[in-house]
Amino acid sequence: MKKMFICCGVLCMALLLFCGTALAAVEVKPGDDASVTVEKDAEEKVFKVTKTGVTDGQLYLVMIQKGDANAKPTAENLYYLNVDKASSATFTMDAYPKDLDEGTYVVYLSDYANSNGGRKAVATLSVGNPNPVLYGDVDGNGKVKSWDATVLACYLAGQSEFQNINLQNADCNGDGKVKSWDLTVLYCHLAGQSEFAQLPYKGN
């Protein structure tokens, strides 16, 4: 099973290699693991992922994915995937993602030996100057009002004149999808229910 995953990773890496032009301005914010660093090159198109204190030959997977750290990897949000082994006491891999548009990306590092392949966010890439997400502002006017719930309800009902909404803002529970539960969350938020005061709502 692990070999199959490695092969898939190498194949995805080959498909997702950087095209060759420089990326937009990128800001790298480190994660909580002080043993891991993510640095960009001068042209902001190569990212060097380094982890110290590892065992020689230990297997790692590096992933760059668009969205927040709670998003699941999909064909649409996965921008880089590669597998390599540590050399000596340091693991270093150069990541060459394809062109990144404006937005937020998470760099993950999976350590098979210690975390059984589980993803761990080690850095965040902020590309360009993306507009901040205002969850619940479905119509994109900079405010969260009852009209946003109406617009979202019409969108979910498939009404053609309401299909051009701000999907990122409409994802009121931050799971990367816009569904009926997002409408419920928005209704509760607008009703002033304390549990739903902060969006995106991460409860069950």
N, C-alpha and C. Protein backbone atom coordinates (compact mmCIF):
# COMPACT_ATOMS: atom_id res chain seq x y z
N MET A 1 0.83 -1.19 0.00
CA MET A 1 0.00 0.00 0.00
C MET A 1 0.87 1.25 0.00
N LYS A 2 1.93 1.23 0.83
CA LYS A 2 2.82 2.38 0.91
C LYS A 2 3.52 2.61 -0.43
N LYS A 3 3.94 1.50 -1.08
CA LYS A 3 4.61 1.63 -2.37
C LYS A 3 3.68 2.25 -3.40
N MET A 4 2.39 1.84 -3.36
CA MET A 4 1.43 2.41 -4.29
C MET A 4 1.30 3.90 -4.07
N PHE A 5 1.28 4.32 -2.80
CA PHE A 5 1.13 5.74 -2.48
C PHE A 5 2.34 6.51 -2.95
N ILE A 6 3.53 5.92 -2.79
CA ILE A 6 4.75 6.57 -3.25
C ILE A 6 4.71 6.77 -4.75
N CYS A 7 4.29 5.72 -5.46
CA CYS A 7 4.21 5.80 -6.92
C CYS A 7 3.22 6.89 -7.33
N CYS A 8 2.08 6.95 -6.63
CA CYS A 8 1.09 7.98 -6.92
C CYS A 8 1.68 9.36 -6.68
N GLY A 9 2.46 9.46 -5.57
CA GLY A 9 3.06 10.74 -5.25
C GLY A 9 4.03 11.19 -6.31
N VAL A 10 4.85 10.28 -6.79
CA VAL A 10 5.82 10.62 -7.83
C VAL A 10 5.10 11.00 -9.11
N LEU A 11 4.02 10.27 -9.44
CA LEU A 11 3.25 10.58 -10.64
C LEU A 11 2.62 11.95 -10.54
N CYS A 12 2.02 12.25 -9.38
CA CYS A 12 1.41 13.57 -9.18
C CYS A 12 2.45 14.66 -9.27
N MET A 13 3.63 14.38 -8.69
CA MET A 13 4.71 15.35 -8.74
C MET A 13 5.06 15.67 -10.17
N ALA A 14 5.13 14.64 -11.01
CA ALA A 14 5.49 14.85 -12.41
C ALA A 14 4.43 15.69 -13.12
N LEU A 15 3.17 15.49 -12.75
CA LEU A 15 2.09 16.23 -13.38
C LEU A 15 1.98 17.66 -12.88
N LEU A 16 2.49 17.91 -11.65
CA LEU A 16 2.29 19.20 -11.01
C LEU A 16 3.55 20.06 -10.99
N LEU A 17 4.57 19.70 -11.74
CA LEU A 17 5.81 20.46 -11.72
C LEU A 17 5.58 21.89 -12.17
N PHE A 18 6.37 22.77 -11.56
CA PHE A 18 6.29 24.20 -11.87
C PHE A 18 6.59 24.47 -13.34
N CYS A 19 5.83 25.40 -13.92
CA CYS A 19 5.92 25.63 -15.36
C CYS A 19 7.14 26.44 -15.78
N GLY A 20 7.72 27.27 -14.88
CA GLY A 20 8.94 27.96 -15.24
C GLY A 20 8.91 29.46 -15.06
N THR A 21 7.73 30.07 -14.90
CA THR A 21 7.68 31.50 -14.69
C THR A 21 7.64 31.80 -13.21
N ALA A 22 8.05 33.01 -12.84
CA ALA A 22 8.09 33.38 -11.42
C ALA A 22 6.68 33.49 -10.87
N LEU A 23 6.53 33.21 -9.59
CA LEU A 23 5.24 33.32 -8.93
C LEU A 23 4.97 34.76 -8.53
N ALA A 24 3.73 35.02 -8.13
CA ALA A 24 3.41 36.31 -7.55
C ALA A 24 4.12 36.43 -6.20
N ALA A 25 4.10 37.62 -5.62
CA ALA A 25 4.77 37.84 -4.35
C ALA A 25 4.28 36.85 -3.31
N VAL A 26 5.21 36.17 -2.65
CA VAL A 26 4.87 35.11 -1.70
C VAL A 26 5.44 35.44 -0.33
N GLU A 27 4.60 35.34 0.68
CA GLU A 27 5.03 35.49 2.07
C GLU A 27 4.93 34.12 2.73
N VAL A 28 6.01 33.69 3.40
CA VAL A 28 6.04 32.39 4.06
C VAL A 28 5.90 32.58 5.56
N LYS A 29 4.89 31.94 6.14
CA LYS A 29 4.69 32.00 7.59
C LYS A 29 4.98 30.62 8.17
N PRO A 30 5.94 30.51 9.09
CA PRO A 30 6.30 29.19 9.62
C PRO A 30 5.19 28.60 10.47
N GLY A 31 5.20 27.27 10.56
CA GLY A 31 4.24 26.57 11.40
C GLY A 31 4.76 26.42 12.82
N ASP A 32 4.16 25.50 13.57
CA ASP A 32 4.50 25.33 14.99
C ASP A 32 5.73 24.46 15.22
N ASP A 33 6.16 23.70 14.21
CA ASP A 33 7.30 22.80 14.37
C ASP A 33 8.59 23.55 14.09
N ALA A 34 9.34 23.84 15.16
CA ALA A 34 10.57 24.62 15.01
C ALA A 34 11.67 23.86 14.28
N SER A 35 11.52 22.53 14.14
CA SER A 35 12.55 21.74 13.47
C SER A 35 12.39 21.78 11.94
N VAL A 36 11.31 22.42 11.46
CA VAL A 36 11.05 22.49 10.02
C VAL A 36 11.09 23.93 9.57
N THR A 37 11.81 24.18 8.48
CA THR A 37 11.84 25.51 7.87
C THR A 37 11.41 25.39 6.41
N VAL A 38 10.72 26.42 5.94
CA VAL A 38 10.33 26.51 4.53
C VAL A 38 10.80 27.87 4.03
N GLU A 39 11.70 27.85 3.04
CA GLU A 39 12.25 29.09 2.51
C GLU A 39 12.02 29.15 1.02
N LYS A 40 11.84 30.36 0.50
CA LYS A 40 11.65 30.56 -0.94
C LYS A 40 12.93 31.11 -1.54
N ASP A 41 13.11 30.87 -2.84
CA ASP A 41 14.27 31.42 -3.50
C ASP A 41 13.97 32.86 -3.92
N ALA A 42 14.97 33.53 -4.48
CA ALA A 42 14.84 34.95 -4.81
C ALA A 42 13.73 35.21 -5.82
N GLU A 43 13.49 34.26 -6.72
CA GLU A 43 12.45 34.44 -7.73
C GLU A 43 11.10 33.92 -7.28
N GLU A 44 11.04 33.42 -6.06
CA GLU A 44 9.79 32.96 -5.45
C GLU A 44 9.12 31.85 -6.26
N LYS A 45 9.94 30.93 -6.77
CA LYS A 45 9.36 29.82 -7.52
C LYS A 45 9.84 28.46 -7.02
N VAL A 46 10.80 28.47 -6.07
CA VAL A 46 11.27 27.23 -5.47
C VAL A 46 11.16 27.36 -3.96
N PHE A 47 10.66 26.31 -3.32
CA PHE A 47 10.53 26.31 -1.87
C PHE A 47 11.36 25.17 -1.30
N LYS A 48 12.29 25.51 -0.41
CA LYS A 48 13.15 24.51 0.21
C LYS A 48 12.57 24.13 1.56
N VAL A 49 12.20 22.87 1.71
CA VAL A 49 11.64 22.35 2.95
C VAL A 49 12.74 21.56 3.67
N THR A 50 13.08 21.97 4.89
CA THR A 50 14.17 21.34 5.64
C THR A 50 13.69 20.94 7.02
N LYS A 51 14.00 19.71 7.42
CA LYS A 51 13.69 19.25 8.77
C LYS A 51 14.95 18.65 9.38
N THR A 52 15.26 19.08 10.59
CA THR A 52 16.45 18.57 11.27
C THR A 52 16.07 17.48 12.27
N GLY A 53 17.09 16.72 12.69
CA GLY A 53 16.89 15.68 13.70
C GLY A 53 16.14 14.47 13.20
N VAL A 54 16.39 14.07 11.97
CA VAL A 54 15.72 12.90 11.40
C VAL A 54 16.70 11.73 11.29
N THR A 55 16.16 10.58 10.93
CA THR A 55 16.97 9.38 10.76
C THR A 55 17.31 9.19 9.29
N ASP A 56 18.56 8.87 9.00
CA ASP A 56 18.99 8.66 7.62
C ASP A 56 18.11 7.61 6.96
N GLY A 57 17.58 7.93 5.78
CA GLY A 57 16.75 6.99 5.04
C GLY A 57 15.27 7.07 5.36
N GLN A 58 14.90 7.92 6.30
CA GLN A 58 13.49 8.05 6.67
C GLN A 58 12.70 8.69 5.53
N LEU A 59 11.51 8.20 5.28
CA LEU A 59 10.70 8.63 4.14
C LEU A 59 9.80 9.81 4.52
N TYR A 60 9.73 10.81 3.64
CA TYR A 60 8.89 11.98 3.85
C TYR A 60 8.07 12.28 2.61
N LEU A 61 6.92 12.87 2.84
CA LEU A 61 6.09 13.37 1.76
C LEU A 61 5.88 14.86 1.98
N VAL A 62 6.08 15.66 0.93
CA VAL A 62 5.84 17.09 0.97
C VAL A 62 4.66 17.41 0.07
N MET A 63 3.74 18.22 0.60
CA MET A 63 2.53 18.57 -0.14
C MET A 63 2.28 20.07 0.00
N ILE A 64 1.92 20.72 -1.11
CA ILE A 64 1.47 22.11 -1.08
C ILE A 64 0.03 22.13 -1.57
N GLN A 65 -0.86 22.65 -0.72
CA GLN A 65 -2.28 22.56 -0.99
C GLN A 65 -2.95 23.91 -0.74
N LYS A 66 -3.86 24.30 -1.62
CA LYS A 66 -4.56 25.57 -1.46
C LYS A 66 -5.69 25.44 -0.44
N GLY A 67 -5.90 26.50 0.33
CA GLY A 67 -6.96 26.50 1.32
C GLY A 67 -6.40 26.47 2.73
N ASP A 68 -7.29 26.37 3.72
CA ASP A 68 -6.82 26.34 5.10
C ASP A 68 -6.39 24.93 5.49
N ALA A 69 -5.87 24.80 6.70
CA ALA A 69 -5.30 23.53 7.14
C ALA A 69 -6.34 22.44 7.36
N ASN A 70 -7.62 22.79 7.33
CA ASN A 70 -8.67 21.79 7.53
C ASN A 70 -9.18 21.20 6.22
N ALA A 71 -8.77 21.78 5.10
CA ALA A 71 -9.26 21.31 3.80
C ALA A 71 -8.65 19.96 3.44
N LYS A 72 -9.45 19.09 2.85
CA LYS A 72 -8.95 17.80 2.41
C LYS A 72 -8.34 17.94 1.02
N PRO A 73 -7.26 17.19 0.74
CA PRO A 73 -6.62 17.30 -0.58
C PRO A 73 -7.52 16.77 -1.69
N THR A 74 -7.65 17.54 -2.76
CA THR A 74 -8.43 17.13 -3.92
C THR A 74 -7.63 17.46 -5.18
N ALA A 75 -8.13 17.01 -6.32
CA ALA A 75 -7.45 17.31 -7.59
C ALA A 75 -7.44 18.81 -7.86
N GLU A 76 -8.42 19.54 -7.30
CA GLU A 76 -8.51 20.98 -7.56
C GLU A 76 -7.60 21.80 -6.66
N ASN A 77 -7.37 21.37 -5.42
CA ASN A 77 -6.60 22.22 -4.51
C ASN A 77 -5.18 21.75 -4.26
N LEU A 78 -4.78 20.62 -4.84
CA LEU A 78 -3.42 20.11 -4.64
C LEU A 78 -2.48 20.69 -5.70
N TYR A 79 -1.45 21.39 -5.25
CA TYR A 79 -0.55 22.08 -6.18
C TYR A 79 0.84 21.44 -6.24
N TYR A 80 1.17 20.59 -5.30
CA TYR A 80 2.47 19.92 -5.36
C TYR A 80 2.45 18.70 -4.46
N LEU A 81 3.10 17.65 -4.92
CA LEU A 81 3.21 16.43 -4.12
C LEU A 81 4.49 15.71 -4.52
N ASN A 82 5.30 15.33 -3.53
CA ASN A 82 6.53 14.61 -3.83
C ASN A 82 6.95 13.80 -2.61
N VAL A 83 7.69 12.73 -2.85
CA VAL A 83 8.18 11.85 -1.78
C VAL A 83 9.69 11.73 -1.92
N ASP A 84 10.39 11.78 -0.77
CA ASP A 84 11.84 11.62 -0.79
C ASP A 84 12.30 11.07 0.55
N LYS A 85 13.58 10.69 0.62
CA LYS A 85 14.15 10.15 1.86
C LYS A 85 15.13 11.14 2.48
N ALA A 86 15.21 11.08 3.81
CA ALA A 86 16.16 11.93 4.52
C ALA A 86 17.58 11.45 4.26
N SER A 87 18.50 12.39 4.24
CA SER A 87 19.91 12.08 4.09
C SER A 87 20.64 12.58 5.32
N SER A 88 21.34 11.68 6.01
CA SER A 88 22.02 12.02 7.26
C SER A 88 20.98 12.44 8.29
N ALA A 89 21.23 13.49 9.06
CA ALA A 89 20.31 13.91 10.12
C ALA A 89 19.40 15.04 9.67
N THR A 90 19.43 15.36 8.37
CA THR A 90 18.62 16.45 7.85
C THR A 90 17.88 16.00 6.60
N PHE A 91 16.62 16.35 6.54
CA PHE A 91 15.83 16.11 5.34
C PHE A 91 15.64 17.43 4.62
N THR A 92 15.98 17.48 3.33
CA THR A 92 15.81 18.69 2.54
C THR A 92 15.20 18.33 1.19
N MET A 93 14.15 19.05 0.80
CA MET A 93 13.54 18.84 -0.51
C MET A 93 13.18 20.17 -1.12
N ASP A 94 13.48 20.35 -2.40
CA ASP A 94 13.06 21.53 -3.14
C ASP A 94 11.71 21.24 -3.78
N ALA A 95 10.72 22.09 -3.50
CA ALA A 95 9.39 21.95 -4.08
C ALA A 95 9.22 22.97 -5.19
N TYR A 96 8.74 22.52 -6.34
CA TYR A 96 8.54 23.37 -7.51
C TYR A 96 7.06 23.33 -7.91
N PRO A 97 6.21 24.04 -7.19
CA PRO A 97 4.78 23.98 -7.53
C PRO A 97 4.50 24.70 -8.83
N LYS A 98 3.37 24.34 -9.46
CA LYS A 98 2.95 25.09 -10.63
C LYS A 98 2.55 26.49 -10.21
N ASP A 99 2.28 27.37 -11.17
CA ASP A 99 1.96 28.76 -10.86
C ASP A 99 0.86 28.86 -9.82
N LEU A 100 1.11 29.66 -8.80
CA LEU A 100 0.13 29.85 -7.73
C LEU A 100 -0.59 31.18 -7.95
N ASP A 101 -1.91 31.14 -8.01
CA ASP A 101 -2.65 32.40 -8.09
C ASP A 101 -2.79 32.97 -6.68
N GLU A 102 -3.40 34.12 -6.57
CA GLU A 102 -3.53 34.75 -5.27
C GLU A 102 -4.34 33.88 -4.32
N GLY A 103 -3.90 33.83 -3.08
CA GLY A 103 -4.61 33.02 -2.10
C GLY A 103 -3.66 32.50 -1.04
N THR A 104 -4.16 31.58 -0.25
CA THR A 104 -3.40 30.98 0.84
C THR A 104 -3.17 29.51 0.57
N TYR A 105 -1.94 29.05 0.82
CA TYR A 105 -1.56 27.67 0.59
C TYR A 105 -0.90 27.13 1.86
N VAL A 106 -1.10 25.84 2.13
CA VAL A 106 -0.50 25.20 3.29
C VAL A 106 0.55 24.21 2.82
N VAL A 107 1.72 24.24 3.44
CA VAL A 107 2.77 23.27 3.16
C VAL A 107 2.70 22.18 4.23
N TYR A 108 2.55 20.94 3.79
CA TYR A 108 2.45 19.81 4.71
C TYR A 108 3.70 18.94 4.59
N LEU A 109 4.06 18.31 5.71
CA LEU A 109 5.15 17.34 5.72
C LEU A 109 4.64 16.10 6.45
N SER A 110 4.70 14.96 5.77
CA SER A 110 4.27 13.70 6.38
C SER A 110 5.49 12.84 6.68
N ASP A 111 5.58 12.37 7.91
CA ASP A 111 6.67 11.53 8.38
C ASP A 111 6.12 10.12 8.58
N TYR A 112 6.40 9.22 7.65
CA TYR A 112 5.83 7.87 7.72
C TYR A 112 6.30 7.11 8.95
N ALA A 113 7.53 7.36 9.35
CA ALA A 113 8.08 6.57 10.46
C ALA A 113 7.38 6.88 11.78
N ASN A 114 7.01 8.15 11.98
CA ASN A 114 6.48 8.55 13.29
C ASN A 114 5.00 8.89 13.30
N SER A 115 4.43 9.28 12.16
CA SER A 115 3.03 9.69 12.18
C SER A 115 2.17 8.86 11.23
N ASN A 116 2.71 7.76 10.74
CA ASN A 116 1.95 6.84 9.89
C ASN A 116 1.36 7.55 8.68
N GLY A 117 2.11 8.48 8.14
CA GLY A 117 1.68 9.16 6.92
C GLY A 117 0.74 10.31 7.16
N GLY A 118 0.42 10.67 8.41
CA GLY A 118 -0.50 11.77 8.68
C GLY A 118 0.10 13.10 8.27
N ARG A 119 -0.75 14.02 7.78
CA ARG A 119 -0.26 15.32 7.35
C ARG A 119 -0.02 16.23 8.55
N LYS A 120 1.03 17.04 8.46
CA LYS A 120 1.31 18.05 9.48
C LYS A 120 1.63 19.35 8.77
N ALA A 121 0.86 20.39 9.08
CA ALA A 121 1.09 21.70 8.47
C ALA A 121 2.37 22.30 9.04
N VAL A 122 3.32 22.64 8.17
CA VAL A 122 4.61 23.17 8.62
C VAL A 122 4.84 24.62 8.19
N ALA A 123 4.00 25.13 7.30
CA ALA A 123 4.13 26.53 6.88
C ALA A 123 2.89 26.93 6.09
N THR A 124 2.69 28.25 5.99
CA THR A 124 1.61 28.80 5.19
C THR A 124 2.19 29.77 4.18
N LEU A 125 1.75 29.68 2.94
CA LEU A 125 2.19 30.59 1.89
C LEU A 125 1.04 31.54 1.57
N SER A 126 1.29 32.84 1.68
CA SER A 126 0.32 33.84 1.28
C SER A 126 0.80 34.44 -0.03
N VAL A 127 0.03 34.24 -1.09
CA VAL A 127 0.46 34.64 -2.43
C VAL A 127 -0.32 35.88 -2.87
N GLY A 128 0.42 36.89 -3.31
CA GLY A 128 -0.21 38.12 -3.77
C GLY A 128 -0.89 38.84 -2.63
N ASN A 129 -1.98 39.50 -2.94
CA ASN A 129 -2.76 40.24 -1.94
C ASN A 129 -4.21 39.79 -1.99
N PRO A 130 -4.48 38.55 -1.55
CA PRO A 130 -5.85 38.04 -1.63
C PRO A 130 -6.78 38.83 -0.72
N ASN A 131 -8.01 38.99 -1.17
CA ASN A 131 -8.99 39.66 -0.33
C ASN A 131 -9.30 38.79 0.88
N PRO A 132 -9.41 39.39 2.06
CA PRO A 132 -9.73 38.59 3.24
C PRO A 132 -11.10 37.95 3.10
N VAL A 133 -11.24 36.76 3.65
CA VAL A 133 -12.52 36.05 3.57
C VAL A 133 -13.45 36.61 4.63
N LEU A 134 -14.64 37.02 4.22
CA LEU A 134 -15.68 37.45 5.16
C LEU A 134 -16.79 36.42 5.08
N TYR A 135 -16.69 35.41 5.93
CA TYR A 135 -17.65 34.32 5.89
C TYR A 135 -19.07 34.84 6.14
N GLY A 136 -19.97 34.40 5.30
CA GLY A 136 -21.36 34.83 5.40
C GLY A 136 -21.73 35.94 4.44
N ASP A 137 -20.70 36.64 3.90
CA ASP A 137 -20.95 37.72 2.93
C ASP A 137 -21.12 37.09 1.55
N VAL A 138 -22.25 36.47 1.34
CA VAL A 138 -22.48 35.67 0.13
C VAL A 138 -22.54 36.53 -1.12
N ASP A 139 -23.09 37.73 -1.01
CA ASP A 139 -23.21 38.59 -2.18
C ASP A 139 -21.97 39.45 -2.41
N GLY A 140 -21.01 39.37 -1.48
CA GLY A 140 -19.73 40.05 -1.66
C GLY A 140 -19.76 41.56 -1.53
N ASN A 141 -20.69 42.10 -0.75
CA ASN A 141 -20.78 43.56 -0.60
C ASN A 141 -20.06 44.08 0.64
N GLY A 142 -19.35 43.18 1.35
CA GLY A 142 -18.59 43.58 2.51
C GLY A 142 -19.37 43.57 3.81
N LYS A 143 -20.60 43.08 3.79
CA LYS A 143 -21.44 43.00 4.99
C LYS A 143 -22.12 41.64 5.05
N VAL A 144 -22.45 41.21 6.26
CA VAL A 144 -23.18 39.95 6.45
C VAL A 144 -24.56 40.31 6.96
N LYS A 145 -25.55 40.16 6.09
CA LYS A 145 -26.92 40.55 6.40
C LYS A 145 -27.88 39.41 6.04
N SER A 146 -29.16 39.59 6.38
CA SER A 146 -30.16 38.57 6.08
C SER A 146 -30.28 38.31 4.58
N TRP A 147 -29.98 39.31 3.78
CA TRP A 147 -30.05 39.12 2.33
C TRP A 147 -29.05 38.07 1.87
N ASP A 148 -27.92 37.95 2.56
CA ASP A 148 -26.93 36.93 2.19
C ASP A 148 -27.51 35.53 2.36
N ALA A 149 -28.30 35.34 3.41
CA ALA A 149 -28.95 34.03 3.62
C ALA A 149 -29.95 33.76 2.51
N THR A 150 -30.67 34.79 2.08
CA THR A 150 -31.63 34.64 0.99
C THR A 150 -30.91 34.25 -0.30
N VAL A 151 -29.80 34.95 -0.57
CA VAL A 151 -29.02 34.66 -1.78
C VAL A 151 -28.48 33.23 -1.75
N LEU A 152 -27.97 32.81 -0.59
CA LEU A 152 -27.43 31.46 -0.48
C LEU A 152 -28.53 30.41 -0.65
N ALA A 153 -29.70 30.67 -0.08
CA ALA A 153 -30.82 29.74 -0.23
C ALA A 153 -31.22 29.60 -1.69
N CYS A 154 -31.24 30.70 -2.41
CA CYS A 154 -31.59 30.67 -3.83
C CYS A 154 -30.51 29.95 -4.64
N TYR A 155 -29.25 30.17 -4.26
CA TYR A 155 -28.14 29.47 -4.93
C TYR A 155 -28.27 27.96 -4.75
N LEU A 156 -28.52 27.54 -3.52
CA LEU A 156 -28.64 26.11 -3.24
C LEU A 156 -29.86 25.50 -3.91
N ALA A 157 -30.88 26.31 -4.13
CA ALA A 157 -32.09 25.84 -4.81
C ALA A 157 -31.89 25.77 -6.32
N GLY A 158 -30.74 26.25 -6.79
CA GLY A 158 -30.43 26.16 -8.21
C GLY A 158 -31.00 27.27 -9.07
N GLN A 159 -31.47 28.36 -8.45
CA GLN A 159 -32.04 29.46 -9.23
C GLN A 159 -30.94 30.14 -10.03
N SER A 160 -31.12 30.20 -11.33
CA SER A 160 -30.06 30.61 -12.25
C SER A 160 -29.53 32.01 -11.97
N GLU A 161 -30.40 32.94 -11.56
CA GLU A 161 -29.96 34.32 -11.36
C GLU A 161 -29.14 34.50 -10.09
N PHE A 162 -29.03 33.42 -9.27
CA PHE A 162 -28.27 33.51 -8.03
C PHE A 162 -27.05 32.58 -8.02
N GLN A 163 -26.56 32.21 -9.17
CA GLN A 163 -25.43 31.28 -9.23
C GLN A 163 -24.08 31.96 -9.18
N ASN A 164 -24.06 33.29 -9.33
CA ASN A 164 -22.78 34.02 -9.29
C ASN A 164 -22.58 34.61 -7.89
N ILE A 165 -22.24 33.73 -6.94
CA ILE A 165 -22.05 34.18 -5.56
C ILE A 165 -20.57 34.05 -5.19
N ASN A 166 -20.20 34.60 -4.05
CA ASN A 166 -18.85 34.44 -3.54
C ASN A 166 -18.77 33.10 -2.80
N LEU A 167 -18.27 32.08 -3.48
CA LEU A 167 -18.28 30.74 -2.92
C LEU A 167 -17.40 30.62 -1.68
N GLN A 168 -16.29 31.35 -1.65
CA GLN A 168 -15.40 31.26 -0.49
C GLN A 168 -16.09 31.83 0.75
N ASN A 169 -16.77 32.96 0.59
CA ASN A 169 -17.50 33.55 1.71
C ASN A 169 -18.70 32.71 2.12
N ALA A 170 -19.30 32.03 1.15
CA ALA A 170 -20.50 31.24 1.42
C ALA A 170 -20.19 29.94 2.17
N ASP A 171 -18.94 29.55 2.20
CA ASP A 171 -18.53 28.32 2.90
C ASP A 171 -18.45 28.62 4.40
N CYS A 172 -19.61 28.70 5.04
CA CYS A 172 -19.70 29.21 6.42
C CYS A 172 -19.14 28.26 7.47
N ASN A 173 -18.88 27.00 7.10
CA ASN A 173 -18.24 26.10 8.07
C ASN A 173 -16.80 25.77 7.66
N GLY A 174 -16.32 26.39 6.58
CA GLY A 174 -14.91 26.29 6.21
C GLY A 174 -14.44 24.92 5.81
N ASP A 175 -15.33 24.09 5.23
CA ASP A 175 -14.91 22.75 4.85
C ASP A 175 -14.59 22.63 3.36
N GLY A 176 -14.59 23.77 2.66
CA GLY A 176 -14.25 23.76 1.24
C GLY A 176 -15.42 23.45 0.33
N LYS A 177 -16.63 23.35 0.89
CA LYS A 177 -17.82 23.05 0.10
C LYS A 177 -18.93 24.01 0.50
N VAL A 178 -19.86 24.25 -0.43
CA VAL A 178 -21.03 25.07 -0.13
C VAL A 178 -22.26 24.18 -0.20
N LYS A 179 -22.84 23.91 0.95
CA LYS A 179 -23.97 23.00 1.04
C LYS A 179 -25.03 23.57 1.97
N SER A 180 -26.11 22.80 2.16
CA SER A 180 -27.23 23.28 2.97
C SER A 180 -26.82 23.57 4.41
N TRP A 181 -25.79 22.86 4.92
CA TRP A 181 -25.35 23.11 6.28
C TRP A 181 -24.79 24.52 6.42
N ASP A 182 -24.16 25.03 5.37
CA ASP A 182 -23.64 26.40 5.41
C ASP A 182 -24.78 27.40 5.58
N LEU A 183 -25.91 27.12 4.95
CA LEU A 183 -27.07 27.99 5.10
C LEU A 183 -27.59 27.95 6.54
N THR A 184 -27.64 26.75 7.12
CA THR A 184 -28.07 26.61 8.51
C THR A 184 -27.15 27.40 9.44
N VAL A 185 -25.85 27.27 9.22
CA VAL A 185 -24.87 28.00 10.03
C VAL A 185 -25.08 29.50 9.90
N LEU A 186 -25.32 29.95 8.68
CA LEU A 186 -25.52 31.39 8.45
C LEU A 186 -26.80 31.88 9.14
N TYR A 187 -27.87 31.10 9.06
CA TYR A 187 -29.11 31.48 9.75
C TYR A 187 -28.86 31.62 11.25
N CYS A 188 -28.16 30.64 11.83
CA CYS A 188 -27.89 30.67 13.27
C CYS A 188 -27.01 31.86 13.64
N HIS A 189 -26.05 32.17 12.76
CA HIS A 189 -25.17 33.32 12.99
C HIS A 189 -25.98 34.62 12.99
N LEU A 190 -26.86 34.75 12.00
CA LEU A 190 -27.66 35.96 11.88
C LEU A 190 -28.68 36.08 13.02
N ALA A 191 -29.09 34.93 13.55
CA ALA A 191 -30.04 34.93 14.66
C ALA A 191 -29.38 35.27 15.99
N GLY A 192 -28.05 35.37 15.98
CA GLY A 192 -27.32 35.76 17.17
C GLY A 192 -27.03 34.63 18.14
N GLN A 193 -27.13 33.40 17.68
CA GLN A 193 -26.82 32.27 18.55
C GLN A 193 -25.33 32.28 18.87
N SER A 194 -25.01 32.26 20.15
CA SER A 194 -23.62 32.45 20.59
C SER A 194 -22.68 31.39 20.03
N GLU A 195 -23.17 30.17 19.86
CA GLU A 195 -22.32 29.10 19.35
C GLU A 195 -21.87 29.37 17.93
N PHE A 196 -22.65 30.18 17.21
CA PHE A 196 -22.36 30.45 15.80
C PHE A 196 -21.88 31.89 15.59
N ALA A 197 -21.44 32.53 16.67
CA ALA A 197 -21.01 33.93 16.57
C ALA A 197 -19.78 34.09 15.69
N GLN A 198 -18.87 33.13 15.76
CA GLN A 198 -17.63 33.20 14.99
C GLN A 198 -17.71 32.30 13.76
N LEU A 199 -17.54 32.90 12.59
CA LEU A 199 -17.51 32.13 11.35
C LEU A 199 -16.09 32.11 10.81
N PRO A 200 -15.64 30.99 10.22
CA PRO A 200 -16.42 29.79 9.94
C PRO A 200 -16.69 28.98 11.20
N TYR A 201 -17.86 28.36 11.24
CA TYR A 201 -18.26 27.53 12.36
C TYR A 201 -17.65 26.15 12.20
N LYS A 202 -16.86 25.72 13.20
CA LYS A 202 -16.13 24.45 13.11
C LYS A 202 -16.75 23.35 13.96
N GLY A 203 -17.94 23.58 14.50
CA GLY A 203 -18.58 22.56 15.32
C GLY A 203 -19.20 21.47 14.47
N ASN A 204 -19.81 20.49 15.12
CA ASN A 204 -20.44 19.37 14.41
C ASN A 204 -21.89 19.68 14.10
